[in-house]
Amino acid sequence: MKNRQLKNEHGLTLIEVLASLSIFAILIVLSSTLIMQLITSEEVSSSTSLQQNTNVLMAEIRNDYYKVNSPICFDDKKGLIDPVKSTFNNSVESLNISNGCIDVDRNKSLSIHLVTSNKGDNLTVETTLAKKDAYVLDLKENPDDFEEGNIDNCTFFNDTKFTSYIHTQNGNPGCNQYDFKKSAAFQNGLFLQNNSAVVIGGNLYVKGGLTVQPNSTVTVNGDFQVEGELDIKGQVCIKGEFKRKEQYYSQIDEVKNCFESGK
């Protein structure tokens, strides 16, 4: 009888099986976490994009209301506006959107209920625009003599004016703060995007309305005067005098020379 020589063949031990299962479970958890982070990041990005694009639409509407006499038109190539839920009322008269435009009587107030949507996210913005009685800015300087500014810059060393409407989203993406060493004049309105700052070393003059988004600040070391709508969701701090402040008492709250829209 011949002896058989068996080969020494090893299978997986219980410890090796458990170790493999543990590693596999860890990989599943890590993959799931990564997938959830990617989904959440995409949702936040979509919501932020909707907020920014809606702000641009509102800025266009506001700028047209105060600056032109023709119908108010806005660029909605991305199809954000919900034409059914959005309403525009010219005093008591309801207005219809026709080819991206609304025909407005500027002698009457314009009440806006704007609903936008993108990838399942919805945003509602409400505001009322009204022509204020015209008045002359009480200027210590003549902004016409100021140097024309470029919003792509972050620092301005001379008295600076902007003759066009300024939206900081369209400026230098690397500028979290715009630093004016002297006075500044925005002659067709200023829209300060989220998480931005403007510091004025001298006086600040704004015609055409001022919008300050959340987590944004305007600091004025001299005097401040604005003509048009004042919408402060961030904060405006003034070390000098707030000219004609009484016109905005119903819209703003004041705490230690800093102002924000009333709750």
C-alpha atoms as a PDB file:
ATOM      1  CA  MET A   1       0.000   0.000   0.000  1.00  0.00           C
ATOM      2  CA  LYS A   2       1.447   3.269  -1.088  1.00  0.00           C
ATOM      3  CA  ASN A   3       1.354   6.257   1.175  1.00  0.00           C
ATOM      4  CA  ARG A   4      -0.309   9.252  -0.335  1.00  0.00           C
ATOM      5  CA  GLN A   5       1.412  12.569   0.151  1.00  0.00           C
ATOM      6  CA  LEU A   6      -1.178  15.299   0.596  1.00  0.00           C
ATOM      7  CA  LYS A   7      -0.382  18.804  -0.448  1.00  0.00           C
ATOM      8  CA  ASN A   8      -0.512  21.388   2.292  1.00  0.00           C
ATOM      9  CA  GLU A   9      -3.392  23.547   0.972  1.00  0.00           C
ATOM     10  CA  HIS A  10      -4.673  26.308   3.269  1.00  0.00           C
ATOM     11  CA  GLY A  11      -8.165  27.920   3.159  1.00  0.00           C
ATOM     12  CA  LEU A  12      -9.169  31.191   4.810  1.00  0.00           C
ATOM     13  CA  THR A  13      -9.154  31.179   8.565  1.00  0.00           C
ATOM     14  CA  LEU A  14     -12.040  32.681  10.553  1.00  0.00           C
ATOM     15  CA  ILE A  15      -9.855  35.631  11.551  1.00  0.00           C
ATOM     16  CA  GLU A  16      -8.999  36.380   7.929  1.00  0.00           C
ATOM     17  CA  VAL A  17     -12.666  36.236   6.931  1.00  0.00           C
ATOM     18  CA  LEU A  18     -13.641  38.607   9.746  1.00  0.00           C
ATOM     19  CA  ALA A  19     -10.810  40.988   8.841  1.00  0.00           C
ATOM     20  CA  SER A  20     -11.918  41.028   5.194  1.00  0.00           C
ATOM     21  CA  LEU A  21     -15.504  41.719   6.180  1.00  0.00           C
ATOM     22  CA  SER A  22     -14.397  44.544   8.477  1.00  0.00           C
ATOM     23  CA  ILE A  23     -12.340  46.178   5.709  1.00  0.00           C
ATOM     24  CA  PHE A  24     -15.251  45.780   3.288  1.00  0.00           C
ATOM     25  CA  ALA A  25     -17.634  47.403   5.808  1.00  0.00           C
ATOM     26  CA  ILE A  26     -15.242  50.320   6.324  1.00  0.00           C
ATOM     27  CA  LEU A  27     -15.013  50.866   2.564  1.00  0.00           C
ATOM     28  CA  ILE A  28     -18.822  50.885   2.286  1.00  0.00           C
ATOM     29  CA  VAL A  29     -19.104  53.471   5.095  1.00  0.00           C
ATOM     30  CA  LEU A  30     -16.416  55.695   3.533  1.00  0.00           C
ATOM     31  CA  SER A  31     -18.003  55.445   0.094  1.00  0.00           C
ATOM     32  CA  SER A  32     -21.450  56.258   1.473  1.00  0.00           C
ATOM     33  CA  THR A  33     -20.077  59.272   3.355  1.00  0.00           C
ATOM     34  CA  LEU A  34     -18.310  60.534   0.235  1.00  0.00           C
ATOM     35  CA  ILE A  35     -21.442  60.117  -1.882  1.00  0.00           C
ATOM     36  CA  MET A  36     -23.572  61.969   0.693  1.00  0.00           C
ATOM     37  CA  GLN A  37     -21.006  64.799   0.831  1.00  0.00           C
ATOM     38  CA  LEU A  38     -21.058  65.105  -2.955  1.00  0.00           C
ATOM     39  CA  ILE A  39     -24.877  65.192  -3.002  1.00  0.00           C
ATOM     40  CA  THR A  40     -24.990  67.788  -0.205  1.00  0.00           C
ATOM     41  CA  SER A  41     -22.308  69.884  -1.912  1.00  0.00           C
ATOM     42  CA  GLU A  42     -24.281  69.843  -5.169  1.00  0.00           C
ATOM     43  CA  GLU A  43     -27.471  70.867  -3.352  1.00  0.00           C
ATOM     44  CA  VAL A  44     -25.698  73.755  -1.580  1.00  0.00           C
ATOM     45  CA  SER A  45     -24.092  74.839  -4.850  1.00  0.00           C
ATOM     46  CA  SER A  46     -27.475  74.779  -6.612  1.00  0.00           C
ATOM     47  CA  SER A  47     -29.104  76.798  -3.819  1.00  0.00           C
ATOM     48  CA  THR A  48     -26.268  79.353  -3.805  1.00  0.00           C
ATOM     49  CA  SER A  49     -26.415  79.672  -7.582  1.00  0.00           C
ATOM     50  CA  LEU A  50     -30.180  80.252  -7.432  1.00  0.00           C
ATOM     51  CA  GLN A  51     -29.719  82.957  -4.774  1.00  0.00           C
ATOM     52  CA  GLN A  52     -27.040  84.728  -6.794  1.00  0.00           C
ATOM     53  CA  ASN A  53     -28.955  84.578 -10.088  1.00  0.00           C
ATOM     54  CA  THR A  54     -32.130  85.817  -8.383  1.00  0.00           C
ATOM     55  CA  ASN A  55     -30.192  88.721  -6.879  1.00  0.00           C
ATOM     56  CA  VAL A  56     -28.969  89.643 -10.357  1.00  0.00           C
ATOM     57  CA  LEU A  57     -32.527  89.535 -11.730  1.00  0.00           C
ATOM     58  CA  MET A  58     -33.804  91.748  -8.906  1.00  0.00           C
ATOM     59  CA  ALA A  59     -30.916  94.170  -9.437  1.00  0.00           C
ATOM     60  CA  GLU A  60     -31.785  94.435 -13.147  1.00  0.00           C
ATOM     61  CA  ILE A  61     -35.446  95.102 -12.350  1.00  0.00           C
ATOM     62  CA  ARG A  62     -34.576  97.686  -9.690  1.00  0.00           C
ATOM     63  CA  ASN A  63     -32.060  99.415 -11.938  1.00  0.00           C
ATOM     64  CA  ASP A  64     -34.525  99.626 -14.862  1.00  0.00           C
ATOM     65  CA  TYR A  65     -37.275 100.952 -12.609  1.00  0.00           C
ATOM     66  CA  TYR A  66     -35.180 103.871 -11.410  1.00  0.00           C
ATOM     67  CA  LYS A  67     -33.129 104.552 -14.532  1.00  0.00           C
ATOM     68  CA  VAL A  68     -35.213 104.113 -17.683  1.00  0.00           C
ATOM     69  CA  ASN A  69     -38.659 105.167 -18.847  1.00  0.00           C
ATOM     70  CA  SER A  70     -39.293 102.237 -21.171  1.00  0.00           C
ATOM     71  CA  PRO A  71     -40.786  98.875 -20.074  1.00  0.00           C
ATOM     72  CA  ILE A  72     -38.744  96.989 -17.467  1.00  0.00           C
ATOM     73  CA  CYS A  73     -37.008  94.029 -19.064  1.00  0.00           C
ATOM     74  CA  PHE A  74     -34.878  91.351 -17.457  1.00  0.00           C
ATOM     75  CA  ASP A  75     -32.650  88.593 -18.786  1.00  0.00           C
ATOM     76  CA  ASP A  76     -34.045  85.207 -17.767  1.00  0.00           C
ATOM     77  CA  LYS A  77     -32.256  82.972 -20.261  1.00  0.00           C
ATOM     78  CA  LYS A  78     -31.850  80.338 -17.533  1.00  0.00           C
ATOM     79  CA  GLY A  79     -35.625  80.120 -17.089  1.00  0.00           C
ATOM     80  CA  LEU A  80     -35.550  80.745 -13.338  1.00  0.00           C
ATOM     81  CA  ILE A  81     -38.720  82.822 -12.998  1.00  0.00           C
ATOM     82  CA  ASP A  82     -41.963  81.005 -12.272  1.00  0.00           C
ATOM     83  CA  PRO A  83     -44.436  83.010 -14.412  1.00  0.00           C
ATOM     84  CA  VAL A  84     -47.457  81.531 -12.605  1.00  0.00           C
ATOM     85  CA  LYS A  85     -46.422  82.210  -9.007  1.00  0.00           C
ATOM     86  CA  SER A  86     -44.562  85.493  -9.656  1.00  0.00           C
ATOM     87  CA  THR A  87     -46.654  88.661  -9.542  1.00  0.00           C
ATOM     88  CA  PHE A  88     -46.008  92.308 -10.379  1.00  0.00           C
ATOM     89  CA  ASN A  89     -48.535  94.876  -9.183  1.00  0.00           C
ATOM     90  CA  ASN A  90     -48.395  98.492 -10.297  1.00  0.00           C
ATOM     91  CA  SER A  91     -50.308  99.949  -7.348  1.00  0.00           C
ATOM     92  CA  VAL A  92     -53.555  97.918  -7.611  1.00  0.00           C
ATOM     93  CA  GLU A  93     -53.091  96.930 -11.276  1.00  0.00           C
ATOM     94  CA  SER A  94     -51.702  93.456 -11.977  1.00  0.00           C
ATOM     95  CA  LEU A  95     -49.006  93.371 -14.670  1.00  0.00           C
ATOM     96  CA  ASN A  96     -48.242  90.504 -17.036  1.00  0.00           C
ATOM     97  CA  ILE A  97     -44.773  89.423 -18.205  1.00  0.00           C
ATOM     98  CA  SER A  98     -44.566  89.750 -21.981  1.00  0.00           C
ATOM     99  CA  ASN A  99     -41.344  88.687 -23.732  1.00  0.00           C
ATOM    100  CA  GLY A 100     -39.409  89.184 -20.502  1.00  0.00           C
ATOM    101  CA  CYS A 101     -40.761  92.699 -19.974  1.00  0.00           C
ATOM    102  CA  ILE A 102     -43.398  94.467 -17.885  1.00  0.00           C
ATOM    103  CA  ASP A 103     -44.909  97.836 -18.758  1.00  0.00           C
ATOM    104  CA  VAL A 104     -44.797 100.025 -15.636  1.00  0.00           C
ATOM    105  CA  ASP A 105     -46.307 103.366 -14.665  1.00  0.00           C
ATOM    106  CA  ARG A 106     -43.490 104.864 -12.601  1.00  0.00           C
ATOM    107  CA  ASN A 107     -45.819 107.353 -10.961  1.00  0.00           C
ATOM    108  CA  LYS A 108     -47.183 104.366  -9.042  1.00  0.00           C
ATOM    109  CA  SER A 109     -45.420 101.919  -6.747  1.00  0.00           C
ATOM    110  CA  LEU A 110     -44.342  98.532  -8.089  1.00  0.00           C
ATOM    111  CA  SER A 111     -44.905  95.578  -5.746  1.00  0.00           C
ATOM    112  CA  ILE A 112     -42.878  92.508  -6.699  1.00  0.00           C
ATOM    113  CA  HIS A 113     -43.461  88.907  -5.601  1.00  0.00           C
ATOM    114  CA  LEU A 114     -40.739  87.020  -7.491  1.00  0.00           C
ATOM    115  CA  VAL A 115     -40.565  83.218  -7.351  1.00  0.00           C
ATOM    116  CA  THR A 116     -37.566  81.468  -8.910  1.00  0.00           C
ATOM    117  CA  SER A 117     -36.634  77.796  -9.075  1.00  0.00           C
ATOM    118  CA  ASN A 118     -33.693  75.644 -10.116  1.00  0.00           C
ATOM    119  CA  LYS A 119     -33.194  71.866  -9.767  1.00  0.00           C
ATOM    120  CA  GLY A 120     -35.934  71.547  -7.176  1.00  0.00           C
ATOM    121  CA  ASP A 121     -34.856  74.583  -5.129  1.00  0.00           C
ATOM    122  CA  ASN A 122     -37.332  77.456  -4.803  1.00  0.00           C
ATOM    123  CA  LEU A 123     -36.743  81.041  -3.716  1.00  0.00           C
ATOM    124  CA  THR A 124     -39.247  83.819  -3.070  1.00  0.00           C
ATOM    125  CA  VAL A 125     -38.282  87.493  -2.983  1.00  0.00           C
ATOM    126  CA  GLU A 126     -40.692  90.321  -2.189  1.00  0.00           C
ATOM    127  CA  THR A 127     -40.089  94.055  -2.407  1.00  0.00           C
ATOM    128  CA  THR A 128     -41.815  97.296  -3.331  1.00  0.00           C
ATOM    129  CA  LEU A 129     -40.230  99.954  -5.518  1.00  0.00           C
ATOM    130  CA  ALA A 130     -41.436 103.543  -5.445  1.00  0.00           C
ATOM    131  CA  LYS A 131     -40.118 106.773  -6.852  1.00  0.00           C
ATOM    132  CA  LYS A 132     -38.921 109.013  -4.051  1.00  0.00           C
ATOM    133  CA  ASP A 133     -39.213 112.768  -4.381  1.00  0.00           C
ATOM    134  CA  ALA A 134     -36.164 113.961  -6.258  1.00  0.00           C
ATOM    135  CA  TYR A 135     -33.640 115.938  -4.316  1.00  0.00           C
ATOM    136  CA  VAL A 136     -30.119 117.193  -4.801  1.00  0.00           C
ATOM    137  CA  LEU A 137     -27.354 115.343  -3.029  1.00  0.00           C
ATOM    138  CA  ASP A 138     -25.830 117.447  -0.258  1.00  0.00           C
ATOM    139  CA  LEU A 139     -22.265 117.101  -1.469  1.00  0.00           C
ATOM    140  CA  LYS A 140     -19.061 118.350   0.099  1.00  0.00           C
ATOM    141  CA  GLU A 141     -17.261 117.376  -3.097  1.00  0.00           C
ATOM    142  CA  ASN A 142     -18.207 117.215  -6.760  1.00  0.00           C
ATOM    143  CA  PRO A 143     -18.195 113.548  -7.887  1.00  0.00           C
ATOM    144  CA  ASP A 144     -17.933 114.684 -11.502  1.00  0.00           C
ATOM    145  CA  ASP A 145     -14.359 115.630 -10.632  1.00  0.00           C
ATOM    146  CA  PHE A 146     -13.635 112.174  -9.195  1.00  0.00           C
ATOM    147  CA  GLU A 147     -11.514 109.626 -11.037  1.00  0.00           C
ATOM    148  CA  GLU A 148     -13.524 106.956 -12.915  1.00  0.00           C
ATOM    149  CA  GLY A 149     -13.125 103.622 -11.126  1.00  0.00           C
ATOM    150  CA  ASN A 150     -12.712 100.051 -12.335  1.00  0.00           C
ATOM    151  CA  ILE A 151     -14.532  97.428 -10.242  1.00  0.00           C
ATOM    152  CA  ASP A 152     -11.814  94.886 -11.138  1.00  0.00           C
ATOM    153  CA  ASN A 153      -9.526  96.730  -8.712  1.00  0.00           C
ATOM    154  CA  CYS A 154      -9.604  96.094  -4.969  1.00  0.00           C
ATOM    155  CA  THR A 155      -7.950  99.300  -3.738  1.00  0.00           C
ATOM    156  CA  PHE A 156      -8.597 102.887  -4.837  1.00  0.00           C
ATOM    157  CA  PHE A 157      -6.199 105.642  -3.762  1.00  0.00           C
ATOM    158  CA  ASN A 158      -7.997 108.729  -5.161  1.00  0.00           C
ATOM    159  CA  ASP A 159     -11.554 110.075  -4.997  1.00  0.00           C
ATOM    160  CA  THR A 160     -13.397 107.534  -7.150  1.00  0.00           C
ATOM    161  CA  LYS A 161     -16.696 107.526  -9.031  1.00  0.00           C
ATOM    162  CA  PHE A 162     -18.604 104.841 -10.916  1.00  0.00           C
ATOM    163  CA  THR A 163     -20.978 106.163 -13.569  1.00  0.00           C
ATOM    164  CA  SER A 164     -22.438 102.714 -14.347  1.00  0.00           C
ATOM    165  CA  TYR A 165     -24.452 100.403 -12.083  1.00  0.00           C
ATOM    166  CA  ILE A 166     -22.092  98.354  -9.895  1.00  0.00           C
ATOM    167  CA  HIS A 167     -22.756  94.765  -8.807  1.00  0.00           C
ATOM    168  CA  THR A 168     -19.728  93.379  -6.940  1.00  0.00           C
ATOM    169  CA  GLN A 169     -20.425  89.875  -8.281  1.00  0.00           C
ATOM    170  CA  ASN A 170     -19.237  91.208 -11.635  1.00  0.00           C
ATOM    171  CA  GLY A 171     -15.993  92.520 -10.153  1.00  0.00           C
ATOM    172  CA  ASN A 172     -12.711  90.871  -9.218  1.00  0.00           C
ATOM    173  CA  PRO A 173     -13.509  87.472  -7.585  1.00  0.00           C
ATOM    174  CA  GLY A 174     -10.383  87.890  -5.471  1.00  0.00           C
ATOM    175  CA  CYS A 175     -11.708  91.089  -3.857  1.00  0.00           C
ATOM    176  CA  ASN A 176     -13.414  90.234  -0.579  1.00  0.00           C
ATOM    177  CA  GLN A 177     -12.911  93.864   0.437  1.00  0.00           C
ATOM    178  CA  TYR A 178     -12.963  97.044  -1.639  1.00  0.00           C
ATOM    179  CA  ASP A 179     -10.794  99.674   0.029  1.00  0.00           C
ATOM    180  CA  PHE A 180     -11.320 103.343  -0.888  1.00  0.00           C
ATOM    181  CA  LYS A 181      -8.640 105.558   0.657  1.00  0.00           C
ATOM    182  CA  LYS A 182     -10.668 108.713  -0.045  1.00  0.00           C
ATOM    183  CA  SER A 183     -14.291 109.431  -1.048  1.00  0.00           C
ATOM    184  CA  ALA A 184     -16.425 107.338  -3.412  1.00  0.00           C
ATOM    185  CA  ALA A 185     -19.524 108.029  -5.502  1.00  0.00           C
ATOM    186  CA  PHE A 186     -21.752 105.372  -7.104  1.00  0.00           C
ATOM    187  CA  GLN A 187     -23.884 107.365  -9.512  1.00  0.00           C
ATOM    188  CA  ASN A 188     -26.149 104.558 -10.770  1.00  0.00           C
ATOM    189  CA  GLY A 189     -26.546 102.292  -7.758  1.00  0.00           C
ATOM    190  CA  LEU A 190     -24.495  99.761  -5.797  1.00  0.00           C
ATOM    191  CA  PHE A 191     -25.246  96.077  -5.087  1.00  0.00           C
ATOM    192  CA  LEU A 192     -22.885  94.504  -2.545  1.00  0.00           C
ATOM    193  CA  GLN A 193     -22.807  90.708  -2.884  1.00  0.00           C
ATOM    194  CA  ASN A 194     -22.765  88.258   0.068  1.00  0.00           C
ATOM    195  CA  ASN A 195     -19.614  88.120   2.211  1.00  0.00           C
ATOM    196  CA  SER A 196     -18.133  91.312   0.799  1.00  0.00           C
ATOM    197  CA  ALA A 197     -16.912  94.509   2.418  1.00  0.00           C
ATOM    198  CA  VAL A 198     -16.497  98.112   1.311  1.00  0.00           C
ATOM    199  CA  VAL A 199     -14.384 100.518   3.376  1.00  0.00           C
ATOM    200  CA  ILE A 200     -14.594 104.233   2.564  1.00  0.00           C
ATOM    201  CA  GLY A 201     -11.868 106.482   3.944  1.00  0.00           C
ATOM    202  CA  GLY A 202     -13.802 109.678   3.132  1.00  0.00           C
ATOM    203  CA  ASN A 203     -17.447 110.284   2.191  1.00  0.00           C
ATOM    204  CA  LEU A 204     -19.803 107.939   0.365  1.00  0.00           C
ATOM    205  CA  TYR A 205     -22.470 109.087  -2.109  1.00  0.00           C
ATOM    206  CA  VAL A 206     -24.881 106.624  -3.720  1.00  0.00           C
ATOM    207  CA  LYS A 207     -27.555 107.474  -6.282  1.00  0.00           C
ATOM    208  CA  GLY A 208     -29.873 104.826  -7.683  1.00  0.00           C
ATOM    209  CA  GLY A 209     -30.175 102.719  -4.540  1.00  0.00           C
ATOM    210  CA  LEU A 210     -27.947 100.658  -2.263  1.00  0.00           C
ATOM    211  CA  THR A 211     -28.314  96.924  -1.593  1.00  0.00           C
ATOM    212  CA  VAL A 212     -26.124  95.209   1.022  1.00  0.00           C
ATOM    213  CA  GLN A 213     -26.506  91.424   1.127  1.00  0.00           C
ATOM    214  CA  PRO A 214     -26.195  89.246   4.291  1.00  0.00           C
ATOM    215  CA  ASN A 215     -22.733  88.986   5.885  1.00  0.00           C
ATOM    216  CA  SER A 216     -21.607  92.078   3.972  1.00  0.00           C
ATOM    217  CA  THR A 217     -20.575  95.418   5.438  1.00  0.00           C
ATOM    218  CA  VAL A 218     -20.051  99.006   4.361  1.00  0.00           C
ATOM    219  CA  THR A 219     -17.866 101.148   6.626  1.00  0.00           C
ATOM    220  CA  VAL A 220     -17.828 104.901   6.007  1.00  0.00           C
ATOM    221  CA  ASN A 221     -15.299 107.009   7.901  1.00  0.00           C
ATOM    222  CA  GLY A 222     -16.848 110.246   6.621  1.00  0.00           C
ATOM    223  CA  ASP A 223     -20.445 111.224   5.748  1.00  0.00           C
ATOM    224  CA  PHE A 224     -22.959 109.061   3.916  1.00  0.00           C
ATOM    225  CA  GLN A 225     -25.828 109.984   1.611  1.00  0.00           C
ATOM    226  CA  VAL A 226     -28.026 107.748  -0.506  1.00  0.00           C
ATOM    227  CA  GLU A 227     -30.750 108.473  -3.045  1.00  0.00           C
ATOM    228  CA  GLY A 228     -33.147 105.667  -3.986  1.00  0.00           C
ATOM    229  CA  GLU A 229     -34.028 102.364  -2.347  1.00  0.00           C
ATOM    230  CA  LEU A 230     -32.030 101.284   0.706  1.00  0.00           C
ATOM    231  CA  ASP A 231     -31.957  97.522   1.342  1.00  0.00           C
ATOM    232  CA  ILE A 232     -29.502  96.529   4.088  1.00  0.00           C
ATOM    233  CA  LYS A 233     -29.502  92.823   4.958  1.00  0.00           C
ATOM    234  CA  GLY A 234     -25.879  93.159   6.048  1.00  0.00           C
ATOM    235  CA  GLN A 235     -24.654  96.268   7.864  1.00  0.00           C
ATOM    236  CA  VAL A 236     -23.691  99.873   7.093  1.00  0.00           C
ATOM    237  CA  CYS A 237     -21.576 101.664   9.715  1.00  0.00           C
ATOM    238  CA  ILE A 238     -21.050 105.434   9.503  1.00  0.00           C
ATOM    239  CA  LYS A 239     -18.597 107.443  11.586  1.00  0.00           C
ATOM    240  CA  GLY A 240     -19.690 110.772  10.098  1.00  0.00           C
ATOM    241  CA  GLU A 241     -23.217 112.007   9.352  1.00  0.00           C
ATOM    242  CA  PHE A 242     -25.980 110.003   7.672  1.00  0.00           C
ATOM    243  CA  LYS A 243     -27.491 112.689   5.455  1.00  0.00           C
ATOM    244  CA  ARG A 244     -31.311 112.750   5.214  1.00  0.00           C
ATOM    245  CA  LYS A 245     -31.501 109.707   7.464  1.00  0.00           C
ATOM    246  CA  GLU A 246     -35.063 110.585   8.420  1.00  0.00           C
ATOM    247  CA  GLN A 247     -36.271 109.417   4.990  1.00  0.00           C
ATOM    248  CA  TYR A 248     -35.316 105.850   5.908  1.00  0.00           C
ATOM    249  CA  TYR A 249     -36.402 105.656   9.556  1.00  0.00           C
ATOM    250  CA  SER A 250     -39.222 103.237   8.706  1.00  0.00           C
ATOM    251  CA  GLN A 251     -36.838 100.881   6.868  1.00  0.00           C
ATOM    252  CA  ILE A 252     -33.762 100.640   9.082  1.00  0.00           C
ATOM    253  CA  ASP A 253     -32.671  99.892  12.635  1.00  0.00           C
ATOM    254  CA  GLU A 254     -29.714 101.719  14.191  1.00  0.00           C
ATOM    255  CA  VAL A 255     -27.257 100.322  16.741  1.00  0.00           C
ATOM    256  CA  LYS A 256     -24.174 102.393  17.619  1.00  0.00           C
ATOM    257  CA  ASN A 257     -23.985 104.206  14.270  1.00  0.00           C
ATOM    258  CA  CYS A 258     -24.515 100.959  12.318  1.00  0.00           C
ATOM    259  CA  PHE A 259     -27.661 100.358  10.287  1.00  0.00           C
ATOM    260  CA  GLU A 260     -29.555  97.355   8.955  1.00  0.00           C
ATOM    261  CA  SER A 261     -33.006  96.816   7.507  1.00  0.00           C
ATOM    262  CA  GLY A 262     -35.758  96.644  10.106  1.00  0.00           C
ATOM    263  CA  LYS A 263     -36.983  93.189  11.005  1.00  0.00           C
END
